[in-house]
Amino acid sequence: MTPQEYVQLKAFARQDGALLSLVMIGAFACYIIGMTQPLLTFVALMTIAATPFFVASRLRHYRDYGRQGRLSFGLGYAYSILTFFYGGLLLTAATFIYFAYLDNGYLISQFTDILQSPESQQAMKLYGVDQEMNDSLRILSELRPIDYALNVLSSVILSGFFWGLPIALFMHKKQ
């Protein structure tokens, strides 16, 4: 890869990572709002499931317009990883801002309400996980905003390494 190709790769990945972050931030917002409106939780899950396809479509755009129809597997894999990385950085910033300034315990209170419902109490006792769930909820309540943000960043980067393989495999093309 020449230095010019590397610069081009990073430029496309940054732009497409910014677009990916908008998709992921939308999914995050739908998830948070979906705590009280279940339809939005479904929208959030479908949006998350669609992110590899979004990255694949952006990789196709990079292949067809930035690389004149040619793309090696390695370059496609690097593009996918970088796109998830750049998108993850912006999602991490949004996550930190949400938990530091907007949440005020909303997410934990929603989880607590769900776990305190009679149906959840009965199911937890049936499976013998009531104490574990209470411990998990306590641990979640002790997390700082930066902990949530770094967890999101590591998850997105790992998913980039994972999803980058099939994306690059299906999108590589030699002319």
N, C-alpha and C. Protein backbone atom coordinates (compact mmCIF):
# COMPACT_ATOMS: atom_id res chain seq x y z
N MET A 1 0.85 -1.16 0.00
CA MET A 1 0.00 0.00 0.00
C MET A 1 0.90 1.23 0.00
N THR A 2 0.61 2.12 -0.88
CA THR A 2 1.40 3.36 -0.96
C THR A 2 0.91 4.34 0.10
N PRO A 3 1.73 5.34 0.42
CA PRO A 3 1.27 6.34 1.40
C PRO A 3 0.00 7.06 0.95
N GLN A 4 -0.13 7.29 -0.33
CA GLN A 4 -1.33 7.95 -0.83
C GLN A 4 -2.57 7.06 -0.65
N GLU A 5 -2.43 5.77 -0.88
CA GLU A 5 -3.54 4.84 -0.67
C GLU A 5 -3.91 4.76 0.80
N TYR A 6 -2.92 4.84 1.68
CA TYR A 6 -3.18 4.80 3.12
C TYR A 6 -3.95 6.05 3.56
N VAL A 7 -3.56 7.19 3.03
CA VAL A 7 -4.27 8.44 3.36
C VAL A 7 -5.71 8.36 2.86
N GLN A 8 -5.88 7.83 1.65
CA GLN A 8 -7.23 7.69 1.09
C GLN A 8 -8.07 6.72 1.93
N LEU A 9 -7.47 5.61 2.34
CA LEU A 9 -8.17 4.64 3.18
C LEU A 9 -8.65 5.29 4.47
N LYS A 10 -7.76 6.01 5.14
CA LYS A 10 -8.14 6.66 6.40
C LYS A 10 -9.22 7.71 6.18
N ALA A 11 -9.14 8.46 5.08
CA ALA A 11 -10.14 9.50 4.82
C ALA A 11 -11.52 8.89 4.62
N PHE A 12 -11.61 7.85 3.81
CA PHE A 12 -12.90 7.19 3.61
C PHE A 12 -13.40 6.57 4.91
N ALA A 13 -12.51 5.93 5.66
CA ALA A 13 -12.91 5.28 6.92
C ALA A 13 -13.38 6.32 7.94
N ARG A 14 -12.74 7.48 7.99
CA ARG A 14 -13.18 8.52 8.93
C ARG A 14 -14.57 9.02 8.56
N GLN A 15 -14.78 9.30 7.28
CA GLN A 15 -16.09 9.79 6.86
C GLN A 15 -17.18 8.74 7.12
N ASP A 16 -16.89 7.52 6.74
CA ASP A 16 -17.88 6.47 6.92
C ASP A 16 -18.03 6.09 8.39
N GLY A 17 -16.98 6.24 9.18
CA GLY A 17 -17.08 6.04 10.61
C GLY A 17 -17.98 7.07 11.25
N ALA A 18 -17.92 8.31 10.76
CA ALA A 18 -18.82 9.35 11.27
C ALA A 18 -20.27 9.01 10.95
N LEU A 19 -20.51 8.51 9.73
CA LEU A 19 -21.87 8.08 9.38
C LEU A 19 -22.31 6.90 10.24
N LEU A 20 -21.41 5.96 10.44
CA LEU A 20 -21.72 4.80 11.28
C LEU A 20 -22.04 5.25 12.71
N SER A 21 -21.33 6.23 13.20
CA SER A 21 -21.59 6.69 14.57
C SER A 21 -23.00 7.28 14.67
N LEU A 22 -23.47 7.95 13.62
CA LEU A 22 -24.83 8.47 13.66
C LEU A 22 -25.84 7.33 13.75
N VAL A 23 -25.59 6.25 13.03
CA VAL A 23 -26.47 5.08 13.10
C VAL A 23 -26.44 4.49 14.51
N MET A 24 -25.23 4.34 15.07
CA MET A 24 -25.11 3.72 16.39
C MET A 24 -25.65 4.63 17.50
N ILE A 25 -25.46 5.93 17.36
CA ILE A 25 -26.01 6.86 18.35
C ILE A 25 -27.54 6.82 18.30
N GLY A 26 -28.09 6.71 17.09
CA GLY A 26 -29.54 6.56 16.95
C GLY A 26 -30.03 5.29 17.62
N ALA A 27 -29.29 4.20 17.45
CA ALA A 27 -29.66 2.93 18.10
C ALA A 27 -29.58 3.07 19.61
N PHE A 28 -28.54 3.74 20.11
CA PHE A 28 -28.39 3.95 21.55
C PHE A 28 -29.56 4.77 22.09
N ALA A 29 -29.93 5.83 21.38
CA ALA A 29 -31.06 6.67 21.81
C ALA A 29 -32.36 5.87 21.80
N CYS A 30 -32.56 5.06 20.77
CA CYS A 30 -33.77 4.22 20.72
C CYS A 30 -33.79 3.23 21.86
N TYR A 31 -32.63 2.70 22.23
CA TYR A 31 -32.58 1.75 23.34
C TYR A 31 -32.96 2.43 24.65
N ILE A 32 -32.40 3.61 24.90
CA ILE A 32 -32.69 4.32 26.15
C ILE A 32 -34.17 4.70 26.20
N ILE A 33 -34.69 5.26 25.13
CA ILE A 33 -36.11 5.64 25.10
C ILE A 33 -36.98 4.39 25.13
N GLY A 34 -36.47 3.31 24.56
CA GLY A 34 -37.22 2.05 24.52
C GLY A 34 -37.45 1.42 25.87
N MET A 35 -36.81 1.93 26.90
CA MET A 35 -37.07 1.41 28.24
C MET A 35 -38.52 1.63 28.64
N THR A 36 -39.13 2.66 28.08
CA THR A 36 -40.54 2.92 28.38
C THR A 36 -41.43 2.69 27.16
N GLN A 37 -40.83 2.56 25.97
CA GLN A 37 -41.59 2.32 24.74
C GLN A 37 -40.97 1.13 24.01
N PRO A 38 -41.49 -0.07 24.23
CA PRO A 38 -40.86 -1.30 23.73
C PRO A 38 -40.62 -1.33 22.22
N LEU A 39 -41.43 -0.64 21.43
CA LEU A 39 -41.22 -0.65 19.99
C LEU A 39 -39.85 -0.07 19.63
N LEU A 40 -39.42 0.93 20.37
CA LEU A 40 -38.12 1.53 20.09
C LEU A 40 -36.97 0.62 20.48
N THR A 41 -37.18 -0.26 21.44
CA THR A 41 -36.15 -1.25 21.75
C THR A 41 -35.96 -2.18 20.56
N PHE A 42 -37.05 -2.56 19.93
CA PHE A 42 -36.97 -3.39 18.73
C PHE A 42 -36.25 -2.64 17.61
N VAL A 43 -36.56 -1.37 17.44
CA VAL A 43 -35.87 -0.56 16.42
C VAL A 43 -34.38 -0.50 16.72
N ALA A 44 -34.02 -0.34 17.99
CA ALA A 44 -32.60 -0.30 18.37
C ALA A 44 -31.91 -1.60 18.03
N LEU A 45 -32.54 -2.72 18.35
CA LEU A 45 -31.93 -4.02 18.05
C LEU A 45 -31.79 -4.25 16.55
N MET A 46 -32.78 -3.85 15.78
CA MET A 46 -32.70 -4.01 14.32
C MET A 46 -31.61 -3.10 13.74
N THR A 47 -31.47 -1.92 14.30
CA THR A 47 -30.43 -1.00 13.83
C THR A 47 -29.05 -1.55 14.14
N ILE A 48 -28.88 -2.11 15.32
CA ILE A 48 -27.60 -2.72 15.68
C ILE A 48 -27.31 -3.90 14.76
N ALA A 49 -28.32 -4.70 14.48
CA ALA A 49 -28.12 -5.85 13.59
C ALA A 49 -27.79 -5.41 12.16
N ALA A 50 -28.21 -4.22 11.78
CA ALA A 50 -27.96 -3.73 10.42
C ALA A 50 -26.59 -3.06 10.26
N THR A 51 -25.88 -2.79 11.35
CA THR A 51 -24.61 -2.07 11.22
C THR A 51 -23.57 -2.79 10.35
N PRO A 52 -23.42 -4.11 10.41
CA PRO A 52 -22.45 -4.74 9.49
C PRO A 52 -22.84 -4.53 8.02
N PHE A 53 -24.13 -4.54 7.73
CA PHE A 53 -24.58 -4.32 6.36
C PHE A 53 -24.34 -2.87 5.93
N PHE A 54 -24.47 -1.95 6.87
CA PHE A 54 -24.17 -0.55 6.58
C PHE A 54 -22.69 -0.40 6.26
N VAL A 55 -21.83 -1.00 7.06
CA VAL A 55 -20.39 -0.92 6.81
C VAL A 55 -20.05 -1.58 5.47
N ALA A 56 -20.69 -2.70 5.17
CA ALA A 56 -20.45 -3.37 3.88
C ALA A 56 -20.85 -2.48 2.72
N SER A 57 -21.97 -1.77 2.85
CA SER A 57 -22.39 -0.88 1.76
C SER A 57 -21.42 0.29 1.60
N ARG A 58 -20.90 0.78 2.71
CA ARG A 58 -19.91 1.88 2.62
C ARG A 58 -18.59 1.36 2.05
N LEU A 59 -18.23 0.11 2.37
CA LEU A 59 -17.02 -0.48 1.79
C LEU A 59 -17.19 -0.65 0.29
N ARG A 60 -18.38 -1.04 -0.15
CA ARG A 60 -18.63 -1.15 -1.58
C ARG A 60 -18.46 0.21 -2.26
N HIS A 61 -18.95 1.25 -1.61
CA HIS A 61 -18.78 2.60 -2.14
C HIS A 61 -17.28 2.95 -2.25
N TYR A 62 -16.53 2.65 -1.22
CA TYR A 62 -15.08 2.90 -1.24
C TYR A 62 -14.41 2.09 -2.34
N ARG A 63 -14.79 0.84 -2.47
CA ARG A 63 -14.21 -0.03 -3.51
C ARG A 63 -14.51 0.51 -4.91
N ASP A 64 -15.77 0.88 -5.14
CA ASP A 64 -16.17 1.27 -6.48
C ASP A 64 -15.71 2.67 -6.87
N TYR A 65 -15.68 3.60 -5.92
CA TYR A 65 -15.34 4.98 -6.25
C TYR A 65 -13.93 5.39 -5.82
N GLY A 66 -13.45 4.85 -4.75
CA GLY A 66 -12.12 5.21 -4.28
C GLY A 66 -11.02 4.32 -4.82
N ARG A 67 -11.39 3.07 -5.16
CA ARG A 67 -10.40 2.09 -5.61
C ARG A 67 -10.65 1.61 -7.04
N GLN A 68 -11.53 2.27 -7.78
CA GLN A 68 -11.85 1.93 -9.16
C GLN A 68 -12.26 0.46 -9.34
N GLY A 69 -13.00 -0.07 -8.40
CA GLY A 69 -13.54 -1.41 -8.51
C GLY A 69 -12.65 -2.52 -8.00
N ARG A 70 -11.45 -2.22 -7.53
CA ARG A 70 -10.54 -3.25 -7.03
C ARG A 70 -10.37 -3.07 -5.53
N LEU A 71 -10.36 -4.19 -4.82
CA LEU A 71 -10.16 -4.13 -3.38
C LEU A 71 -9.65 -5.47 -2.90
N SER A 72 -8.51 -5.45 -2.26
CA SER A 72 -7.97 -6.69 -1.69
C SER A 72 -8.68 -6.99 -0.37
N PHE A 73 -8.57 -8.25 0.04
CA PHE A 73 -9.17 -8.63 1.32
C PHE A 73 -8.56 -7.83 2.46
N GLY A 74 -7.24 -7.70 2.48
CA GLY A 74 -6.56 -6.98 3.56
C GLY A 74 -6.96 -5.53 3.64
N LEU A 75 -7.09 -4.88 2.51
CA LEU A 75 -7.50 -3.48 2.50
C LEU A 75 -8.95 -3.33 2.96
N GLY A 76 -9.80 -4.28 2.55
CA GLY A 76 -11.19 -4.26 2.99
C GLY A 76 -11.31 -4.49 4.49
N TYR A 77 -10.47 -5.39 5.00
CA TYR A 77 -10.48 -5.66 6.44
C TYR A 77 -10.00 -4.44 7.22
N ALA A 78 -8.93 -3.82 6.74
CA ALA A 78 -8.41 -2.61 7.40
C ALA A 78 -9.44 -1.49 7.38
N TYR A 79 -10.12 -1.32 6.24
CA TYR A 79 -11.16 -0.31 6.14
C TYR A 79 -12.27 -0.57 7.17
N SER A 80 -12.72 -1.83 7.25
CA SER A 80 -13.80 -2.17 8.18
C SER A 80 -13.41 -1.90 9.62
N ILE A 81 -12.21 -2.30 10.00
CA ILE A 81 -11.74 -2.07 11.37
C ILE A 81 -11.67 -0.58 11.66
N LEU A 82 -11.09 0.18 10.73
CA LEU A 82 -10.97 1.63 10.95
C LEU A 82 -12.33 2.30 11.00
N THR A 83 -13.27 1.86 10.18
CA THR A 83 -14.61 2.45 10.20
C THR A 83 -15.30 2.20 11.53
N PHE A 84 -15.21 0.98 12.02
CA PHE A 84 -15.79 0.69 13.35
C PHE A 84 -15.06 1.49 14.43
N PHE A 85 -13.74 1.63 14.31
CA PHE A 85 -12.97 2.37 15.31
C PHE A 85 -13.40 3.84 15.34
N TYR A 86 -13.44 4.49 14.18
CA TYR A 86 -13.83 5.91 14.15
C TYR A 86 -15.28 6.10 14.59
N GLY A 87 -16.16 5.20 14.16
CA GLY A 87 -17.54 5.29 14.61
C GLY A 87 -17.65 5.07 16.11
N GLY A 88 -16.84 4.14 16.62
CA GLY A 88 -16.85 3.86 18.05
C GLY A 88 -16.36 5.03 18.88
N LEU A 89 -15.40 5.79 18.36
CA LEU A 89 -14.92 6.96 19.10
C LEU A 89 -16.04 7.98 19.30
N LEU A 90 -16.79 8.25 18.26
CA LEU A 90 -17.88 9.22 18.39
C LEU A 90 -19.02 8.68 19.25
N LEU A 91 -19.32 7.38 19.11
CA LEU A 91 -20.34 6.77 19.98
C LEU A 91 -19.90 6.81 21.44
N THR A 92 -18.61 6.59 21.68
CA THR A 92 -18.09 6.64 23.04
C THR A 92 -18.25 8.03 23.63
N ALA A 93 -17.97 9.05 22.84
CA ALA A 93 -18.16 10.42 23.32
C ALA A 93 -19.63 10.68 23.65
N ALA A 94 -20.53 10.22 22.78
CA ALA A 94 -21.96 10.41 23.04
C ALA A 94 -22.40 9.64 24.29
N THR A 95 -21.89 8.44 24.46
CA THR A 95 -22.22 7.64 25.64
C THR A 95 -21.74 8.32 26.91
N PHE A 96 -20.51 8.82 26.88
CA PHE A 96 -19.99 9.51 28.06
C PHE A 96 -20.84 10.74 28.39
N ILE A 97 -21.17 11.53 27.38
CA ILE A 97 -21.99 12.73 27.62
C ILE A 97 -23.34 12.34 28.19
N TYR A 98 -23.94 11.28 27.65
CA TYR A 98 -25.24 10.86 28.16
C TYR A 98 -25.16 10.47 29.63
N PHE A 99 -24.22 9.59 29.97
CA PHE A 99 -24.16 9.11 31.36
C PHE A 99 -23.63 10.16 32.32
N ALA A 100 -22.80 11.06 31.85
CA ALA A 100 -22.25 12.09 32.74
C ALA A 100 -23.24 13.22 33.01
N TYR A 101 -24.03 13.59 32.00
CA TYR A 101 -24.84 14.80 32.14
C TYR A 101 -26.35 14.60 31.98
N LEU A 102 -26.79 13.53 31.36
CA LEU A 102 -28.21 13.41 31.05
C LEU A 102 -28.93 12.29 31.80
N ASP A 103 -28.26 11.21 32.10
CA ASP A 103 -28.91 10.02 32.64
C ASP A 103 -29.47 10.23 34.05
N ASN A 104 -28.66 10.71 34.95
CA ASN A 104 -29.07 10.95 36.35
C ASN A 104 -29.73 9.73 36.99
N GLY A 105 -29.23 8.54 36.67
CA GLY A 105 -29.75 7.31 37.27
C GLY A 105 -30.95 6.73 36.59
N TYR A 106 -31.35 7.27 35.44
CA TYR A 106 -32.55 6.80 34.73
C TYR A 106 -32.42 5.33 34.34
N LEU A 107 -31.31 4.95 33.73
CA LEU A 107 -31.15 3.58 33.25
C LEU A 107 -31.20 2.57 34.40
N ILE A 108 -30.51 2.86 35.48
CA ILE A 108 -30.53 1.96 36.64
C ILE A 108 -31.93 1.87 37.24
N SER A 109 -32.63 3.00 37.31
CA SER A 109 -33.99 2.96 37.87
C SER A 109 -34.92 2.15 36.98
N GLN A 110 -34.72 2.21 35.67
CA GLN A 110 -35.55 1.40 34.77
C GLN A 110 -35.26 -0.09 34.95
N PHE A 111 -33.96 -0.43 35.07
CA PHE A 111 -33.60 -1.82 35.32
C PHE A 111 -34.17 -2.30 36.65
N THR A 112 -34.11 -1.44 37.66
CA THR A 112 -34.65 -1.78 38.99
C THR A 112 -36.15 -2.03 38.90
N ASP A 113 -36.85 -1.15 38.19
CA ASP A 113 -38.30 -1.33 38.03
C ASP A 113 -38.62 -2.65 37.34
N ILE A 114 -37.85 -2.98 36.31
CA ILE A 114 -38.07 -4.23 35.59
C ILE A 114 -37.84 -5.42 36.51
N LEU A 115 -36.76 -5.36 37.28
CA LEU A 115 -36.43 -6.49 38.16
C LEU A 115 -37.36 -6.59 39.36
N GLN A 116 -38.02 -5.50 39.73
CA GLN A 116 -38.95 -5.53 40.87
C GLN A 116 -40.35 -5.97 40.47
N SER A 117 -40.61 -6.11 39.18
CA SER A 117 -41.95 -6.53 38.76
C SER A 117 -42.21 -7.95 39.26
N PRO A 118 -43.45 -8.28 39.55
CA PRO A 118 -43.77 -9.64 40.06
C PRO A 118 -43.33 -10.75 39.09
N GLU A 119 -43.46 -10.50 37.79
CA GLU A 119 -43.07 -11.51 36.81
C GLU A 119 -41.56 -11.78 36.89
N SER A 120 -40.78 -10.71 36.96
CA SER A 120 -39.32 -10.87 37.04
C SER A 120 -38.92 -11.53 38.35
N GLN A 121 -39.54 -11.15 39.44
CA GLN A 121 -39.22 -11.75 40.74
C GLN A 121 -39.50 -13.25 40.70
N GLN A 122 -40.62 -13.63 40.13
CA GLN A 122 -40.97 -15.04 40.06
C GLN A 122 -39.98 -15.80 39.17
N ALA A 123 -39.63 -15.23 38.04
CA ALA A 123 -38.70 -15.90 37.12
C ALA A 123 -37.31 -16.02 37.74
N MET A 124 -36.87 -14.97 38.44
CA MET A 124 -35.54 -15.02 39.06
C MET A 124 -35.49 -16.07 40.16
N LYS A 125 -36.56 -16.18 40.94
CA LYS A 125 -36.59 -17.19 41.98
C LYS A 125 -36.66 -18.59 41.39
N LEU A 126 -37.41 -18.73 40.29
CA LEU A 126 -37.54 -20.03 39.63
C LEU A 126 -36.18 -20.52 39.13
N TYR A 127 -35.39 -19.62 38.57
CA TYR A 127 -34.06 -20.00 38.06
C TYR A 127 -32.96 -19.83 39.09
N GLY A 128 -33.28 -19.32 40.25
CA GLY A 128 -32.30 -19.18 41.32
C GLY A 128 -31.24 -18.13 41.07
N VAL A 129 -31.61 -17.05 40.39
CA VAL A 129 -30.63 -16.01 40.06
C VAL A 129 -30.98 -14.66 40.68
N ASP A 130 -31.86 -14.67 41.66
CA ASP A 130 -32.29 -13.40 42.24
C ASP A 130 -31.15 -12.66 42.91
N GLN A 131 -30.29 -13.34 43.62
CA GLN A 131 -29.17 -12.67 44.28
C GLN A 131 -28.15 -12.17 43.25
N GLU A 132 -27.90 -12.98 42.22
CA GLU A 132 -26.94 -12.58 41.18
C GLU A 132 -27.43 -11.33 40.44
N MET A 133 -28.72 -11.26 40.17
CA MET A 133 -29.27 -10.09 39.48
C MET A 133 -29.17 -8.85 40.36
N ASN A 134 -29.42 -9.00 41.64
CA ASN A 134 -29.28 -7.86 42.55
C ASN A 134 -27.83 -7.40 42.64
N ASP A 135 -26.90 -8.36 42.66
CA ASP A 135 -25.48 -8.01 42.68
C ASP A 135 -25.07 -7.31 41.38
N SER A 136 -25.57 -7.79 40.27
CA SER A 136 -25.27 -7.17 38.97
C SER A 136 -25.81 -5.75 38.91
N LEU A 137 -27.00 -5.55 39.42
CA LEU A 137 -27.59 -4.22 39.44
C LEU A 137 -26.79 -3.28 40.34
N ARG A 138 -26.32 -3.79 41.47
CA ARG A 138 -25.49 -2.98 42.35
C ARG A 138 -24.19 -2.58 41.66
N ILE A 139 -23.57 -3.52 40.96
CA ILE A 139 -22.32 -3.23 40.25
C ILE A 139 -22.56 -2.20 39.15
N LEU A 140 -23.66 -2.33 38.42
CA LEU A 140 -23.98 -1.36 37.38
C LEU A 140 -24.17 0.03 37.96
N SER A 141 -24.79 0.11 39.12
CA SER A 141 -25.04 1.42 39.72
C SER A 141 -23.75 2.09 40.20
N GLU A 142 -22.69 1.30 40.41
CA GLU A 142 -21.42 1.86 40.87
C GLU A 142 -20.50 2.29 39.72
N LEU A 143 -20.88 1.98 38.49
CA LEU A 143 -20.03 2.34 37.35
C LEU A 143 -20.06 3.85 37.11
N ARG A 144 -18.91 4.37 36.71
CA ARG A 144 -18.80 5.79 36.37
C ARG A 144 -19.11 5.97 34.88
N PRO A 145 -19.44 7.17 34.44
CA PRO A 145 -19.71 7.41 33.02
C PRO A 145 -18.56 6.96 32.11
N ILE A 146 -17.33 7.16 32.56
CA ILE A 146 -16.19 6.75 31.74
C ILE A 146 -16.13 5.24 31.60
N ASP A 147 -16.59 4.51 32.62
CA ASP A 147 -16.62 3.05 32.54
C ASP A 147 -17.59 2.58 31.46
N TYR A 148 -18.79 3.20 31.44
CA TYR A 148 -19.75 2.88 30.38
C TYR A 148 -19.15 3.19 29.01
N ALA A 149 -18.54 4.36 28.89
CA ALA A 149 -18.00 4.81 27.61
C ALA A 149 -16.89 3.88 27.12
N LEU A 150 -15.98 3.50 28.01
CA LEU A 150 -14.89 2.62 27.60
C LEU A 150 -15.39 1.22 27.26
N ASN A 151 -16.42 0.78 27.95
CA ASN A 151 -17.03 -0.50 27.62
C ASN A 151 -17.62 -0.47 26.22
N VAL A 152 -18.28 0.62 25.88
CA VAL A 152 -18.85 0.78 24.54
C VAL A 152 -17.73 0.80 23.50
N LEU A 153 -16.67 1.53 23.76
CA LEU A 153 -15.56 1.62 22.81
C LEU A 153 -14.94 0.25 22.56
N SER A 154 -14.66 -0.48 23.62
CA SER A 154 -14.05 -1.80 23.43
C SER A 154 -15.00 -2.75 22.71
N SER A 155 -16.29 -2.66 22.98
CA SER A 155 -17.26 -3.52 22.29
C SER A 155 -17.33 -3.22 20.80
N VAL A 156 -17.32 -1.94 20.45
CA VAL A 156 -17.40 -1.57 19.04
C VAL A 156 -16.12 -1.96 18.31
N ILE A 157 -14.97 -1.75 18.93
CA ILE A 157 -13.71 -2.13 18.29
C ILE A 157 -13.64 -3.65 18.09
N LEU A 158 -14.03 -4.41 19.10
CA LEU A 158 -14.03 -5.87 18.96
C LEU A 158 -15.02 -6.33 17.89
N SER A 159 -16.16 -5.68 17.82
CA SER A 159 -17.11 -6.06 16.77
C SER A 159 -16.56 -5.70 15.40
N GLY A 160 -15.75 -4.64 15.31
CA GLY A 160 -15.10 -4.31 14.04
C GLY A 160 -14.13 -5.39 13.60
N PHE A 161 -13.35 -5.92 14.54
CA PHE A 161 -12.44 -7.02 14.21
C PHE A 161 -13.22 -8.26 13.79
N PHE A 162 -14.33 -8.52 14.47
CA PHE A 162 -15.14 -9.70 14.16
C PHE A 162 -15.87 -9.53 12.82
N TRP A 163 -16.64 -8.45 12.67
CA TRP A 163 -17.44 -8.26 11.47
C TRP A 163 -16.60 -7.88 10.26
N GLY A 164 -15.40 -7.36 10.49
CA GLY A 164 -14.55 -7.00 9.37
C GLY A 164 -14.17 -8.18 8.50
N LEU A 165 -14.04 -9.35 9.10
CA LEU A 165 -13.66 -10.55 8.33
C LEU A 165 -14.71 -10.91 7.27
N PRO A 166 -15.98 -11.15 7.65
CA PRO A 166 -16.94 -11.49 6.60
C PRO A 166 -17.23 -10.33 5.65
N ILE A 167 -17.19 -9.10 6.15
CA ILE A 167 -17.42 -7.95 5.28
C ILE A 167 -16.34 -7.88 4.21
N ALA A 168 -15.08 -7.98 4.62
CA ALA A 168 -13.98 -7.92 3.66
C ALA A 168 -14.00 -9.12 2.72
N LEU A 169 -14.39 -10.27 3.23
CA LEU A 169 -14.44 -11.47 2.41
C LEU A 169 -15.46 -11.31 1.28
N PHE A 170 -16.62 -10.76 1.60
CA PHE A 170 -17.66 -10.61 0.59
C PHE A 170 -17.46 -9.41 -0.32
N MET A 171 -16.73 -8.40 0.13
CA MET A 171 -16.58 -7.19 -0.65
C MET A 171 -15.28 -7.10 -1.45
N HIS A 172 -14.32 -7.99 -1.19
CA HIS A 172 -13.07 -7.87 -1.95
C HIS A 172 -13.33 -8.25 -3.40
N LYS A 173 -12.62 -7.59 -4.29
CA LYS A 173 -12.85 -7.79 -5.71
C LYS A 173 -11.57 -7.46 -6.47
N LYS A 174 -11.19 -8.37 -7.32
CA LYS A 174 -10.03 -8.13 -8.17
C LYS A 174 -10.51 -8.00 -9.60
N GLN A 175 -9.93 -7.07 -10.32
CA GLN A 175 -10.31 -6.89 -11.71
C GLN A 175 -9.27 -7.48 -12.61
